[in-house]
Amino acid sequence: MADLRTMSVEELQDILTEMGEPRFRAKQLHEWFHTHNVSDYSKMTNLSKALREKLAKEHPLGRAESVAEEISQDGTCKLLVELDDGATVETVGMPVGFEDDDRGGKRLTACISSQSGCPMACSFCATGHEGFRRNLTASEVVGQVQLVSQAFERPVTNVVVMGQGEPFLNYDQTISALRRINTDPGLHIGARKITVSTVGIIEGIRRFGDEPEQFRLAVSLHATKQRTRNMLMPKCANMTLDDLQEALIEYNEKSGRRVTLEYMMIEGVNDSPSDLDSLMIFCEGIHCHVNLLPYNAVQAVDYHPSSKSRIKEWSKALSSAQIPVSIRNSRGFDIHGACGQLKSVAL
């Protein structure tokens, strides 16, 4: 059964006409979905009670409900989101630029999930150790942004699809969700403030380069020696670094957009001088920005973050080589809400 939230006003008019309702109800319903971000028929007060009950019976809406919440010392809020079938995902809200209170800020970023669990089995990632349950629908992806906004009682300004799952293995639903996040009046988040992170799915990168919107692309790189990357990210072994480099250069040329290369630094695994040299070689020809981040501890995984001095050395060396670079400060670490720490409790 089609989700009414994915339909245009004209499509909703056809549905409501079949139900014996006047066509103008379609615009009211569309506004509840996309201007007011309401996905509960009972709250649509300008629709008759009889219509609301009929819609709920004949066109039920998938539920995305926050059932647990943890707040970090830095103001980050992690939500456990339960879906209609009992599947769960974790979603994170990160406020930056505190002003009004301990959860306020000039920028509110929602880190959202595209799958419940993840099939990629990356060795450093909590989600990867739990396995894969299912893809999320576009409405379930959008619903996470709405829940973050509700939790902070303010609009979300930035979105990163960097939570659970590999978004390019759920490509169509993810792109549909991003377009709603970008265009729905109740969200209306600029395309350049929406970033999708992939482990490096080549076909997905190529498709993404053809999208007309200015969505941003990040790639979880984490190693530029093939053997090391295969060990850290075993399901990527059939997508070689040479092919990935070629795909990113093609993406630059087609889209005109820069790529962010995420590099999680793990002591003694991918942070040697030769690893740095290899990263510099990989960056050649790619219009990119390198984001260095210390490894975030995951239970039952015997990895440790590189030292602060090593990360600073890398940053200085990349900058000297004219490669744009930044060091990411992890947020929500104390509530296991940082990069690589999210999991599906109910899996």
C-alpha atoms as a PDB file:
ATOM      1  CA  MET A   1       0.000   0.000   0.000  1.00  0.00           C
ATOM      2  CA  ALA A   2       1.401   3.389  -1.025  1.00  0.00           C
ATOM      3  CA  ASP A   3       2.320   5.845   1.724  1.00  0.00           C
ATOM      4  CA  LEU A   4       0.122   8.934   1.305  1.00  0.00           C
ATOM      5  CA  ARG A   5       3.023  11.098   2.482  1.00  0.00           C
ATOM      6  CA  THR A   6       4.878  10.324  -0.739  1.00  0.00           C
ATOM      7  CA  MET A   7       2.010  11.531  -2.958  1.00  0.00           C
ATOM      8  CA  SER A   8       1.455  14.839  -4.706  1.00  0.00           C
ATOM      9  CA  VAL A   9      -1.682  16.939  -4.163  1.00  0.00           C
ATOM     10  CA  GLU A  10      -3.060  15.634  -7.456  1.00  0.00           C
ATOM     11  CA  GLU A  11      -2.536  12.011  -6.415  1.00  0.00           C
ATOM     12  CA  LEU A  12      -4.159  12.690  -3.050  1.00  0.00           C
ATOM     13  CA  GLN A  13      -7.123  14.254  -4.863  1.00  0.00           C
ATOM     14  CA  ASP A  14      -7.698  10.961  -6.691  1.00  0.00           C
ATOM     15  CA  ILE A  15      -7.530   8.992  -3.426  1.00  0.00           C
ATOM     16  CA  LEU A  16      -9.947  11.299  -1.623  1.00  0.00           C
ATOM     17  CA  THR A  17     -12.365  11.456  -4.537  1.00  0.00           C
ATOM     18  CA  GLU A  18     -12.567   7.650  -4.456  1.00  0.00           C
ATOM     19  CA  MET A  19     -13.413   7.988  -0.753  1.00  0.00           C
ATOM     20  CA  GLY A  20     -16.269  10.375  -1.590  1.00  0.00           C
ATOM     21  CA  GLU A  21     -14.485  13.447  -0.224  1.00  0.00           C
ATOM     22  CA  PRO A  22     -14.195  16.884  -1.876  1.00  0.00           C
ATOM     23  CA  ARG A  23     -10.944  17.512  -3.744  1.00  0.00           C
ATOM     24  CA  PHE A  24      -9.898  20.432  -1.513  1.00  0.00           C
ATOM     25  CA  ARG A  25      -9.294  17.943   1.303  1.00  0.00           C
ATOM     26  CA  ALA A  26      -6.213  16.799  -0.594  1.00  0.00           C
ATOM     27  CA  LYS A  27      -4.487  20.144  -0.095  1.00  0.00           C
ATOM     28  CA  GLN A  28      -5.348  20.108   3.608  1.00  0.00           C
ATOM     29  CA  LEU A  29      -3.937  16.599   3.975  1.00  0.00           C
ATOM     30  CA  HIS A  30      -0.797  17.534   2.024  1.00  0.00           C
ATOM     31  CA  GLU A  31      -0.241  20.561   4.276  1.00  0.00           C
ATOM     32  CA  TRP A  32      -0.517  18.417   7.413  1.00  0.00           C
ATOM     33  CA  PHE A  33       2.146  16.084   6.042  1.00  0.00           C
ATOM     34  CA  HIS A  34       4.588  18.579   4.570  1.00  0.00           C
ATOM     35  CA  THR A  35       4.017  21.991   6.198  1.00  0.00           C
ATOM     36  CA  HIS A  36       3.134  20.925   9.724  1.00  0.00           C
ATOM     37  CA  ASN A  37       5.111  17.637   9.734  1.00  0.00           C
ATOM     38  CA  VAL A  38       2.151  15.761  11.216  1.00  0.00           C
ATOM     39  CA  SER A  39       1.846  12.022  10.554  1.00  0.00           C
ATOM     40  CA  ASP A  40      -1.001  11.271  12.960  1.00  0.00           C
ATOM     41  CA  TYR A  41      -4.463  11.553  11.411  1.00  0.00           C
ATOM     42  CA  SER A  42      -6.048  12.189  14.824  1.00  0.00           C
ATOM     43  CA  LYS A  43      -4.213  15.518  15.027  1.00  0.00           C
ATOM     44  CA  MET A  44      -5.506  16.781  11.657  1.00  0.00           C
ATOM     45  CA  THR A  45      -8.216  18.909  13.221  1.00  0.00           C
ATOM     46  CA  ASN A  46      -9.664  20.471  10.062  1.00  0.00           C
ATOM     47  CA  LEU A  47     -10.592  17.005   8.766  1.00  0.00           C
ATOM     48  CA  SER A  48     -13.799  15.392  10.008  1.00  0.00           C
ATOM     49  CA  LYS A  49     -13.502  12.682  12.631  1.00  0.00           C
ATOM     50  CA  ALA A  50     -15.111  10.214  10.242  1.00  0.00           C
ATOM     51  CA  LEU A  51     -12.535  10.966   7.533  1.00  0.00           C
ATOM     52  CA  ARG A  52      -9.655  10.710   9.982  1.00  0.00           C
ATOM     53  CA  GLU A  53     -10.845   7.319  11.149  1.00  0.00           C
ATOM     54  CA  LYS A  54     -11.343   6.124   7.567  1.00  0.00           C
ATOM     55  CA  LEU A  55      -7.857   7.285   6.531  1.00  0.00           C
ATOM     56  CA  ALA A  56      -6.299   5.546   9.525  1.00  0.00           C
ATOM     57  CA  LYS A  57      -8.069   2.313   8.608  1.00  0.00           C
ATOM     58  CA  GLU A  58      -7.552   2.343   4.827  1.00  0.00           C
ATOM     59  CA  HIS A  59      -4.227   4.195   4.577  1.00  0.00           C
ATOM     60  CA  PRO A  60      -2.254   3.622   7.798  1.00  0.00           C
ATOM     61  CA  LEU A  61       0.942   5.644   8.152  1.00  0.00           C
ATOM     62  CA  GLY A  62       4.228   4.093   9.171  1.00  0.00           C
ATOM     63  CA  ARG A  63       5.242   5.102  12.660  1.00  0.00           C
ATOM     64  CA  ALA A  64       8.627   6.469  13.741  1.00  0.00           C
ATOM     65  CA  GLU A  65       8.485   7.062  17.472  1.00  0.00           C
ATOM     66  CA  SER A  66      11.192   8.040  19.933  1.00  0.00           C
ATOM     67  CA  VAL A  67      11.024   5.503  22.772  1.00  0.00           C
ATOM     68  CA  ALA A  68      14.226   6.388  24.651  1.00  0.00           C
ATOM     69  CA  GLU A  69      16.518   9.385  24.915  1.00  0.00           C
ATOM     70  CA  GLU A  70      20.006  10.044  26.241  1.00  0.00           C
ATOM     71  CA  ILE A  71      21.666  13.444  26.572  1.00  0.00           C
ATOM     72  CA  SER A  72      25.428  13.924  26.446  1.00  0.00           C
ATOM     73  CA  GLN A  73      27.429  16.380  28.503  1.00  0.00           C
ATOM     74  CA  ASP A  74      28.081  18.310  25.269  1.00  0.00           C
ATOM     75  CA  GLY A  75      24.336  18.678  24.562  1.00  0.00           C
ATOM     76  CA  THR A  76      24.121  15.924  21.968  1.00  0.00           C
ATOM     77  CA  CYS A  77      20.881  13.947  22.195  1.00  0.00           C
ATOM     78  CA  LYS A  78      20.588  10.319  21.072  1.00  0.00           C
ATOM     79  CA  LEU A  79      17.130   8.924  20.303  1.00  0.00           C
ATOM     80  CA  LEU A  80      16.120   5.298  20.060  1.00  0.00           C
ATOM     81  CA  VAL A  81      13.503   5.310  17.310  1.00  0.00           C
ATOM     82  CA  GLU A  82      11.014   2.456  17.050  1.00  0.00           C
ATOM     83  CA  LEU A  83       9.248   1.719  13.757  1.00  0.00           C
ATOM     84  CA  ASP A  84       5.896   0.043  13.063  1.00  0.00           C
ATOM     85  CA  ASP A  85       7.240  -3.509  12.850  1.00  0.00           C
ATOM     86  CA  GLY A  86       9.375  -3.162  15.978  1.00  0.00           C
ATOM     87  CA  ALA A  87      12.601  -2.469  14.112  1.00  0.00           C
ATOM     88  CA  THR A  88      14.711   0.213  15.770  1.00  0.00           C
ATOM     89  CA  VAL A  89      17.368   2.705  14.781  1.00  0.00           C
ATOM     90  CA  GLU A  90      19.375   5.300  16.653  1.00  0.00           C
ATOM     91  CA  THR A  91      19.264   8.942  15.613  1.00  0.00           C
ATOM     92  CA  VAL A  92      21.399  11.766  16.970  1.00  0.00           C
ATOM     93  CA  GLY A  93      20.793  15.507  17.311  1.00  0.00           C
ATOM     94  CA  MET A  94      23.883  17.700  17.663  1.00  0.00           C
ATOM     95  CA  PRO A  95      23.469  21.380  18.617  1.00  0.00           C
ATOM     96  CA  VAL A  96      26.384  23.750  18.017  1.00  0.00           C
ATOM     97  CA  GLY A  97      26.805  27.312  19.334  1.00  0.00           C
ATOM     98  CA  PHE A  98      25.052  27.175  22.695  1.00  0.00           C
ATOM     99  CA  GLU A  99      23.024  30.269  23.517  1.00  0.00           C
ATOM    100  CA  ASP A 100      19.658  29.863  25.204  1.00  0.00           C
ATOM    101  CA  ASP A 101      19.967  26.717  27.302  1.00  0.00           C
ATOM    102  CA  ASP A 102      21.855  23.452  27.641  1.00  0.00           C
ATOM    103  CA  ARG A 103      20.260  22.130  24.434  1.00  0.00           C
ATOM    104  CA  GLY A 104      20.215  25.249  22.298  1.00  0.00           C
ATOM    105  CA  GLY A 105      22.456  26.387  19.490  1.00  0.00           C
ATOM    106  CA  LYS A 106      22.867  28.214  16.238  1.00  0.00           C
ATOM    107  CA  ARG A 107      23.065  24.960  14.284  1.00  0.00           C
ATOM    108  CA  LEU A 108      21.173  21.736  14.911  1.00  0.00           C
ATOM    109  CA  THR A 109      22.397  18.745  12.938  1.00  0.00           C
ATOM    110  CA  ALA A 110      20.393  15.533  12.684  1.00  0.00           C
ATOM    111  CA  CYS A 111      22.485  12.414  12.110  1.00  0.00           C
ATOM    112  CA  ILE A 112      19.974   9.961  10.667  1.00  0.00           C
ATOM    113  CA  SER A 113      19.892   6.298   9.677  1.00  0.00           C
ATOM    114  CA  SER A 114      18.912   4.776   6.334  1.00  0.00           C
ATOM    115  CA  GLN A 115      18.753   1.131   7.418  1.00  0.00           C
ATOM    116  CA  SER A 116      17.990  -0.794  10.603  1.00  0.00           C
ATOM    117  CA  GLY A 117      21.315  -2.447  11.212  1.00  0.00           C
ATOM    118  CA  CYS A 118      23.871  -2.591   8.407  1.00  0.00           C
ATOM    119  CA  PRO A 119      25.036  -5.317   6.000  1.00  0.00           C
ATOM    120  CA  MET A 120      28.563  -3.901   5.554  1.00  0.00           C
ATOM    121  CA  ALA A 121      30.088  -5.483   8.711  1.00  0.00           C
ATOM    122  CA  CYS A 122      32.868  -2.917   9.133  1.00  0.00           C
ATOM    123  CA  SER A 123      35.118  -4.174  11.929  1.00  0.00           C
ATOM    124  CA  PHE A 124      35.289  -0.837  13.802  1.00  0.00           C
ATOM    125  CA  CYS A 125      31.537  -0.096  13.782  1.00  0.00           C
ATOM    126  CA  ALA A 126      28.967  -1.100  16.411  1.00  0.00           C
ATOM    127  CA  THR A 127      26.173  -1.246  13.835  1.00  0.00           C
ATOM    128  CA  GLY A 128      28.223  -3.527  11.610  1.00  0.00           C
ATOM    129  CA  HIS A 129      28.593  -6.044  14.422  1.00  0.00           C
ATOM    130  CA  GLU A 130      24.809  -6.352  14.808  1.00  0.00           C
ATOM    131  CA  GLY A 131      23.943  -7.359  11.261  1.00  0.00           C
ATOM    132  CA  PHE A 132      21.211  -6.119   8.958  1.00  0.00           C
ATOM    133  CA  ARG A 133      17.468  -6.046   9.572  1.00  0.00           C
ATOM    134  CA  ARG A 134      15.879  -4.016   6.756  1.00  0.00           C
ATOM    135  CA  ASN A 135      15.887  -0.857   4.668  1.00  0.00           C
ATOM    136  CA  LEU A 136      13.942   2.142   5.923  1.00  0.00           C
ATOM    137  CA  THR A 137      11.220   3.822   3.901  1.00  0.00           C
ATOM    138  CA  ALA A 138      11.590   7.445   2.860  1.00  0.00           C
ATOM    139  CA  SER A 139       8.990   8.455   5.450  1.00  0.00           C
ATOM    140  CA  GLU A 140      10.898   6.637   8.199  1.00  0.00           C
ATOM    141  CA  VAL A 141      14.063   8.508   7.204  1.00  0.00           C
ATOM    142  CA  VAL A 142      12.257  11.873   7.166  1.00  0.00           C
ATOM    143  CA  GLY A 143      10.568  11.014  10.455  1.00  0.00           C
ATOM    144  CA  GLN A 144      13.928  10.951  12.212  1.00  0.00           C
ATOM    145  CA  VAL A 145      14.583  14.582  11.259  1.00  0.00           C
ATOM    146  CA  GLN A 146      11.155  15.515  12.615  1.00  0.00           C
ATOM    147  CA  LEU A 147      11.851  13.684  15.885  1.00  0.00           C
ATOM    148  CA  VAL A 148      15.146  15.539  16.373  1.00  0.00           C
ATOM    149  CA  SER A 149      13.351  18.836  15.768  1.00  0.00           C
ATOM    150  CA  GLN A 150      10.695  17.890  18.315  1.00  0.00           C
ATOM    151  CA  ALA A 151      13.297  16.796  20.878  1.00  0.00           C
ATOM    152  CA  PHE A 152      15.072  20.167  20.714  1.00  0.00           C
ATOM    153  CA  GLU A 153      11.918  22.199  20.079  1.00  0.00           C
ATOM    154  CA  ARG A 154      13.564  24.013  17.185  1.00  0.00           C
ATOM    155  CA  PRO A 155      14.141  23.429  13.468  1.00  0.00           C
ATOM    156  CA  VAL A 156      16.883  21.145  12.248  1.00  0.00           C
ATOM    157  CA  THR A 157      19.349  23.138  10.121  1.00  0.00           C
ATOM    158  CA  ASN A 158      21.662  20.385   8.834  1.00  0.00           C
ATOM    159  CA  VAL A 159      21.245  16.691   8.051  1.00  0.00           C
ATOM    160  CA  VAL A 160      23.881  13.986   7.718  1.00  0.00           C
ATOM    161  CA  VAL A 161      22.933  10.487   6.610  1.00  0.00           C
ATOM    162  CA  MET A 162      25.743   8.997   8.683  1.00  0.00           C
ATOM    163  CA  GLY A 163      23.783   6.919  11.185  1.00  0.00           C
ATOM    164  CA  GLN A 164      23.065   3.233  10.831  1.00  0.00           C
ATOM    165  CA  GLY A 165      23.217   1.589   7.440  1.00  0.00           C
ATOM    166  CA  GLU A 166      24.653   2.161   3.981  1.00  0.00           C
ATOM    167  CA  PRO A 167      22.411   4.722   2.237  1.00  0.00           C
ATOM    168  CA  PHE A 168      23.463   3.744  -1.283  1.00  0.00           C
ATOM    169  CA  LEU A 169      22.162   0.209  -0.658  1.00  0.00           C
ATOM    170  CA  ASN A 170      18.788   1.884  -0.059  1.00  0.00           C
ATOM    171  CA  TYR A 171      19.303   4.452  -2.790  1.00  0.00           C
ATOM    172  CA  ASP A 172      15.801   5.261  -4.039  1.00  0.00           C
ATOM    173  CA  GLN A 173      14.215   5.618  -0.598  1.00  0.00           C
ATOM    174  CA  THR A 174      17.154   7.697   0.652  1.00  0.00           C
ATOM    175  CA  ILE A 175      17.020  10.108  -2.284  1.00  0.00           C
ATOM    176  CA  SER A 176      13.237  10.395  -1.975  1.00  0.00           C
ATOM    177  CA  ALA A 177      13.697  11.272   1.708  1.00  0.00           C
ATOM    178  CA  LEU A 178      16.387  13.867   0.968  1.00  0.00           C
ATOM    179  CA  ARG A 179      14.131  15.578  -1.561  1.00  0.00           C
ATOM    180  CA  ARG A 180      11.356  15.814   0.999  1.00  0.00           C
ATOM    181  CA  ILE A 181      13.760  17.151   3.619  1.00  0.00           C
ATOM    182  CA  ASN A 182      14.936  19.711   1.080  1.00  0.00           C
ATOM    183  CA  THR A 183      11.556  20.836  -0.287  1.00  0.00           C
ATOM    184  CA  ASP A 184       8.837  20.203   2.309  1.00  0.00           C
ATOM    185  CA  PRO A 185       7.791  23.596   3.735  1.00  0.00           C
ATOM    186  CA  GLY A 186       7.915  22.229   7.275  1.00  0.00           C
ATOM    187  CA  LEU A 187      11.604  21.275   6.939  1.00  0.00           C
ATOM    188  CA  HIS A 188      13.023  23.086   3.897  1.00  0.00           C
ATOM    189  CA  ILE A 189      16.679  22.340   4.625  1.00  0.00           C
ATOM    190  CA  GLY A 190      19.051  23.553   1.918  1.00  0.00           C
ATOM    191  CA  ALA A 191      20.565  20.839  -0.275  1.00  0.00           C
ATOM    192  CA  ARG A 192      24.080  21.996   0.580  1.00  0.00           C
ATOM    193  CA  LYS A 193      23.285  21.377   4.242  1.00  0.00           C
ATOM    194  CA  ILE A 194      22.427  17.732   3.560  1.00  0.00           C
ATOM    195  CA  THR A 195      25.275  15.197   3.403  1.00  0.00           C
ATOM    196  CA  VAL A 196      25.164  11.509   2.498  1.00  0.00           C
ATOM    197  CA  SER A 197      27.948   9.236   3.733  1.00  0.00           C
ATOM    198  CA  THR A 198      28.803   6.009   1.917  1.00  0.00           C
ATOM    199  CA  VAL A 199      31.448   3.351   2.462  1.00  0.00           C
ATOM    200  CA  GLY A 200      32.201   3.720  -1.236  1.00  0.00           C
ATOM    201  CA  ILE A 201      29.442   1.987  -3.214  1.00  0.00           C
ATOM    202  CA  ILE A 202      30.645   2.738  -6.747  1.00  0.00           C
ATOM    203  CA  GLU A 203      27.272   2.487  -8.497  1.00  0.00           C
ATOM    204  CA  GLY A 204      25.697   4.741  -5.870  1.00  0.00           C
ATOM    205  CA  ILE A 205      28.413   7.376  -6.238  1.00  0.00           C
ATOM    206  CA  ARG A 206      27.884   7.442  -9.987  1.00  0.00           C
ATOM    207  CA  ARG A 207      24.116   7.788  -9.636  1.00  0.00           C
ATOM    208  CA  PHE A 208      24.528  10.461  -6.981  1.00  0.00           C
ATOM    209  CA  GLY A 209      26.693  12.513  -9.318  1.00  0.00           C
ATOM    210  CA  ASP A 210      23.767  12.696 -11.748  1.00  0.00           C
ATOM    211  CA  GLU A 211      21.300  14.066  -9.193  1.00  0.00           C
ATOM    212  CA  PRO A 212      20.359  17.700  -9.902  1.00  0.00           C
ATOM    213  CA  GLU A 213      20.331  18.773  -6.239  1.00  0.00           C
ATOM    214  CA  GLN A 214      23.470  20.070  -4.560  1.00  0.00           C
ATOM    215  CA  PHE A 215      23.489  17.372  -1.878  1.00  0.00           C
ATOM    216  CA  ARG A 216      26.949  16.748  -0.449  1.00  0.00           C
ATOM    217  CA  LEU A 217      28.876  13.483  -0.548  1.00  0.00           C
ATOM    218  CA  ALA A 218      31.125  11.996   2.132  1.00  0.00           C
ATOM    219  CA  VAL A 219      33.043   8.739   1.781  1.00  0.00           C
ATOM    220  CA  SER A 220      34.085   6.593   4.734  1.00  0.00           C
ATOM    221  CA  LEU A 221      37.617   5.888   3.504  1.00  0.00           C
ATOM    222  CA  HIS A 222      39.576   4.925   6.646  1.00  0.00           C
ATOM    223  CA  ALA A 223      42.449   3.331   4.715  1.00  0.00           C
ATOM    224  CA  THR A 224      44.166   3.778   1.361  1.00  0.00           C
ATOM    225  CA  LYS A 225      46.099   0.527   1.409  1.00  0.00           C
ATOM    226  CA  GLN A 226      43.916  -2.169  -0.100  1.00  0.00           C
ATOM    227  CA  ARG A 227      44.840  -4.863   2.405  1.00  0.00           C
ATOM    228  CA  THR A 228      44.136  -2.606   5.383  1.00  0.00           C
ATOM    229  CA  ARG A 229      40.827  -1.409   3.944  1.00  0.00           C
ATOM    230  CA  ASN A 230      39.761  -4.993   3.232  1.00  0.00           C
ATOM    231  CA  MET A 231      40.443  -5.860   6.862  1.00  0.00           C
ATOM    232  CA  LEU A 232      38.561  -2.842   8.246  1.00  0.00           C
ATOM    233  CA  MET A 233      35.737  -2.961   5.686  1.00  0.00           C
ATOM    234  CA  PRO A 234      35.522  -6.534   4.373  1.00  0.00           C
ATOM    235  CA  LYS A 235      32.325  -6.073   2.348  1.00  0.00           C
ATOM    236  CA  CYS A 236      34.096  -3.372   0.314  1.00  0.00           C
ATOM    237  CA  ALA A 237      36.827  -5.743  -0.861  1.00  0.00           C
ATOM    238  CA  ASN A 238      35.221  -6.126  -4.294  1.00  0.00           C
ATOM    239  CA  MET A 239      35.292  -2.328  -4.747  1.00  0.00           C
ATOM    240  CA  THR A 240      38.958  -1.503  -5.165  1.00  0.00           C
ATOM    241  CA  LEU A 241      40.551   1.764  -4.140  1.00  0.00           C
ATOM    242  CA  ASP A 242      41.537   2.384  -7.769  1.00  0.00           C
ATOM    243  CA  ASP A 243      37.900   2.068  -8.836  1.00  0.00           C
ATOM    244  CA  LEU A 244      36.787   4.268  -5.948  1.00  0.00           C
ATOM    245  CA  GLN A 245      39.308   6.959  -6.863  1.00  0.00           C
ATOM    246  CA  GLU A 246      38.129   6.877 -10.488  1.00  0.00           C
ATOM    247  CA  ALA A 247      34.479   7.122  -9.408  1.00  0.00           C
ATOM    248  CA  LEU A 248      35.183  10.128  -7.175  1.00  0.00           C
ATOM    249  CA  ILE A 249      37.038  11.981  -9.936  1.00  0.00           C
ATOM    250  CA  GLU A 250      34.093  11.263 -12.251  1.00  0.00           C
ATOM    251  CA  TYR A 251      31.728  12.517  -9.526  1.00  0.00           C
ATOM    252  CA  ASN A 252      33.711  15.768  -9.266  1.00  0.00           C
ATOM    253  CA  GLU A 253      33.534  16.272 -13.008  1.00  0.00           C
ATOM    254  CA  LYS A 254      29.815  15.525 -13.344  1.00  0.00           C
ATOM    255  CA  SER A 255      28.534  17.330 -10.281  1.00  0.00           C
ATOM    256  CA  GLY A 256      31.076  20.090  -9.806  1.00  0.00           C
ATOM    257  CA  ARG A 257      30.959  19.264  -6.091  1.00  0.00           C
ATOM    258  CA  ARG A 258      33.728  18.474  -3.628  1.00  0.00           C
ATOM    259  CA  VAL A 259      33.910  15.164  -1.750  1.00  0.00           C
ATOM    260  CA  THR A 260      34.648  14.779   1.953  1.00  0.00           C
ATOM    261  CA  LEU A 261      36.929  11.845   2.722  1.00  0.00           C
ATOM    262  CA  GLU A 262      36.313  10.554   6.247  1.00  0.00           C
ATOM    263  CA  TYR A 263      39.412   8.965   7.768  1.00  0.00           C
ATOM    264  CA  MET A 264      39.031   7.361  11.216  1.00  0.00           C
ATOM    265  CA  MET A 265      42.506   7.076  12.724  1.00  0.00           C
ATOM    266  CA  ILE A 266      43.202   3.821  14.576  1.00  0.00           C
ATOM    267  CA  GLU A 267      46.458   3.404  16.438  1.00  0.00           C
ATOM    268  CA  GLY A 268      48.797   0.892  14.817  1.00  0.00           C
ATOM    269  CA  VAL A 269      46.292   0.004  12.105  1.00  0.00           C
ATOM    270  CA  ASN A 270      46.074   2.869   9.598  1.00  0.00           C
ATOM    271  CA  ASP A 271      48.164   5.717  11.045  1.00  0.00           C
ATOM    272  CA  SER A 272      51.746   4.959   9.988  1.00  0.00           C
ATOM    273  CA  PRO A 273      53.890   7.333   7.867  1.00  0.00           C
ATOM    274  CA  SER A 274      53.347   5.045   4.875  1.00  0.00           C
ATOM    275  CA  ASP A 275      49.586   5.235   5.436  1.00  0.00           C
ATOM    276  CA  LEU A 276      49.849   9.015   5.281  1.00  0.00           C
ATOM    277  CA  ASP A 277      51.835   8.829   2.041  1.00  0.00           C
ATOM    278  CA  SER A 278      49.247   6.459   0.607  1.00  0.00           C
ATOM    279  CA  LEU A 279      46.413   8.826   1.540  1.00  0.00           C
ATOM    280  CA  MET A 280      48.158  11.735  -0.189  1.00  0.00           C
ATOM    281  CA  ILE A 281      48.559   9.670  -3.347  1.00  0.00           C
ATOM    282  CA  PHE A 282      44.885   8.658  -3.249  1.00  0.00           C
ATOM    283  CA  CYS A 283      43.831  12.319  -3.021  1.00  0.00           C
ATOM    284  CA  GLU A 284      45.691  13.226  -6.210  1.00  0.00           C
ATOM    285  CA  GLY A 285      43.205  14.331  -8.845  1.00  0.00           C
ATOM    286  CA  ILE A 286      40.235  14.359  -6.475  1.00  0.00           C
ATOM    287  CA  HIS A 287      38.584  17.630  -5.457  1.00  0.00           C
ATOM    288  CA  CYS A 288      38.276  16.666  -1.815  1.00  0.00           C
ATOM    289  CA  HIS A 289      38.453  17.634   1.827  1.00  0.00           C
ATOM    290  CA  VAL A 290      39.936  15.170   4.309  1.00  0.00           C
ATOM    291  CA  ASN A 291      38.217  14.875   7.682  1.00  0.00           C
ATOM    292  CA  LEU A 292      40.420  13.176  10.285  1.00  0.00           C
ATOM    293  CA  LEU A 293      38.668  11.720  13.288  1.00  0.00           C
ATOM    294  CA  PRO A 294      39.983   9.686  16.228  1.00  0.00           C
ATOM    295  CA  TYR A 295      38.544   6.204  16.547  1.00  0.00           C
ATOM    296  CA  ASN A 296      35.529   6.024  18.868  1.00  0.00           C
ATOM    297  CA  ALA A 297      35.641   2.993  21.132  1.00  0.00           C
ATOM    298  CA  VAL A 298      33.163   0.187  20.470  1.00  0.00           C
ATOM    299  CA  GLN A 299      32.506  -2.632  22.930  1.00  0.00           C
ATOM    300  CA  ALA A 300      34.319  -5.917  22.177  1.00  0.00           C
ATOM    301  CA  VAL A 301      36.543  -4.286  19.523  1.00  0.00           C
ATOM    302  CA  ASP A 302      40.240  -4.049  20.399  1.00  0.00           C
ATOM    303  CA  TYR A 303      41.038  -0.811  18.572  1.00  0.00           C
ATOM    304  CA  HIS A 304      42.370   2.406  20.055  1.00  0.00           C
ATOM    305  CA  PRO A 305      42.399   5.972  18.741  1.00  0.00           C
ATOM    306  CA  SER A 306      45.585   7.454  17.357  1.00  0.00           C
ATOM    307  CA  SER A 307      47.279   9.952  19.644  1.00  0.00           C
ATOM    308  CA  LYS A 308      46.352  13.607  19.400  1.00  0.00           C
ATOM    309  CA  SER A 309      49.927  14.390  18.370  1.00  0.00           C
ATOM    310  CA  ARG A 310      49.784  11.841  15.519  1.00  0.00           C
ATOM    311  CA  ILE A 311      46.487  13.281  14.254  1.00  0.00           C
ATOM    312  CA  LYS A 312      47.924  16.805  14.371  1.00  0.00           C
ATOM    313  CA  GLU A 313      51.010  15.615  12.463  1.00  0.00           C
ATOM    314  CA  TRP A 314      48.783  14.211   9.736  1.00  0.00           C
ATOM    315  CA  SER A 315      46.731  17.378   9.594  1.00  0.00           C
ATOM    316  CA  LYS A 316      49.861  19.508   9.223  1.00  0.00           C
ATOM    317  CA  ALA A 317      51.314  17.244   6.535  1.00  0.00           C
ATOM    318  CA  LEU A 318      48.101  17.186   4.483  1.00  0.00           C
ATOM    319  CA  SER A 319      47.766  20.940   4.726  1.00  0.00           C
ATOM    320  CA  SER A 320      51.381  21.372   3.592  1.00  0.00           C
ATOM    321  CA  ALA A 321      50.544  19.189   0.582  1.00  0.00           C
ATOM    322  CA  GLN A 322      47.679  21.608  -0.272  1.00  0.00           C
ATOM    323  CA  ILE A 323      45.035  19.042   0.671  1.00  0.00           C
ATOM    324  CA  PRO A 324      42.196  20.694   2.627  1.00  0.00           C
ATOM    325  CA  VAL A 325      41.912  18.999   6.007  1.00  0.00           C
ATOM    326  CA  SER A 326      40.073  19.266   9.310  1.00  0.00           C
ATOM    327  CA  ILE A 327      40.015  17.329  12.577  1.00  0.00           C
ATOM    328  CA  ARG A 328      36.558  16.334  13.733  1.00  0.00           C
ATOM    329  CA  ASN A 329      35.786  16.577  17.413  1.00  0.00           C
ATOM    330  CA  SER A 330      33.539  13.644  18.294  1.00  0.00           C
ATOM    331  CA  ARG A 331      30.242  14.548  19.936  1.00  0.00           C
ATOM    332  CA  GLY A 332      28.060  12.358  22.112  1.00  0.00           C
ATOM    333  CA  PHE A 333      30.902   9.978  22.975  1.00  0.00           C
ATOM    334  CA  ASP A 334      29.727   9.540  26.579  1.00  0.00           C
ATOM    335  CA  ILE A 335      26.302   8.280  25.431  1.00  0.00           C
ATOM    336  CA  HIS A 336      27.706   6.098  22.607  1.00  0.00           C
ATOM    337  CA  GLY A 337      26.299   8.520  20.080  1.00  0.00           C
ATOM    338  CA  ALA A 338      29.521   9.289  18.203  1.00  0.00           C
ATOM    339  CA  CYS A 339      30.537   8.075  14.739  1.00  0.00           C
ATOM    340  CA  GLY A 340      30.602   4.276  14.591  1.00  0.00           C
ATOM    341  CA  GLN A 341      28.904   3.774  17.964  1.00  0.00           C
ATOM    342  CA  LEU A 342      25.234   3.605  16.963  1.00  0.00           C
ATOM    343  CA  LYS A 343      23.350   0.331  17.275  1.00  0.00           C
ATOM    344  CA  SER A 344      19.844  -1.103  17.137  1.00  0.00           C
ATOM    345  CA  VAL A 345      19.040  -2.097  20.685  1.00  0.00           C
ATOM    346  CA  ALA A 346      16.150  -4.342  19.670  1.00  0.00           C
ATOM    347  CA  LEU A 347      18.067  -6.343  17.064  1.00  0.00           C
END
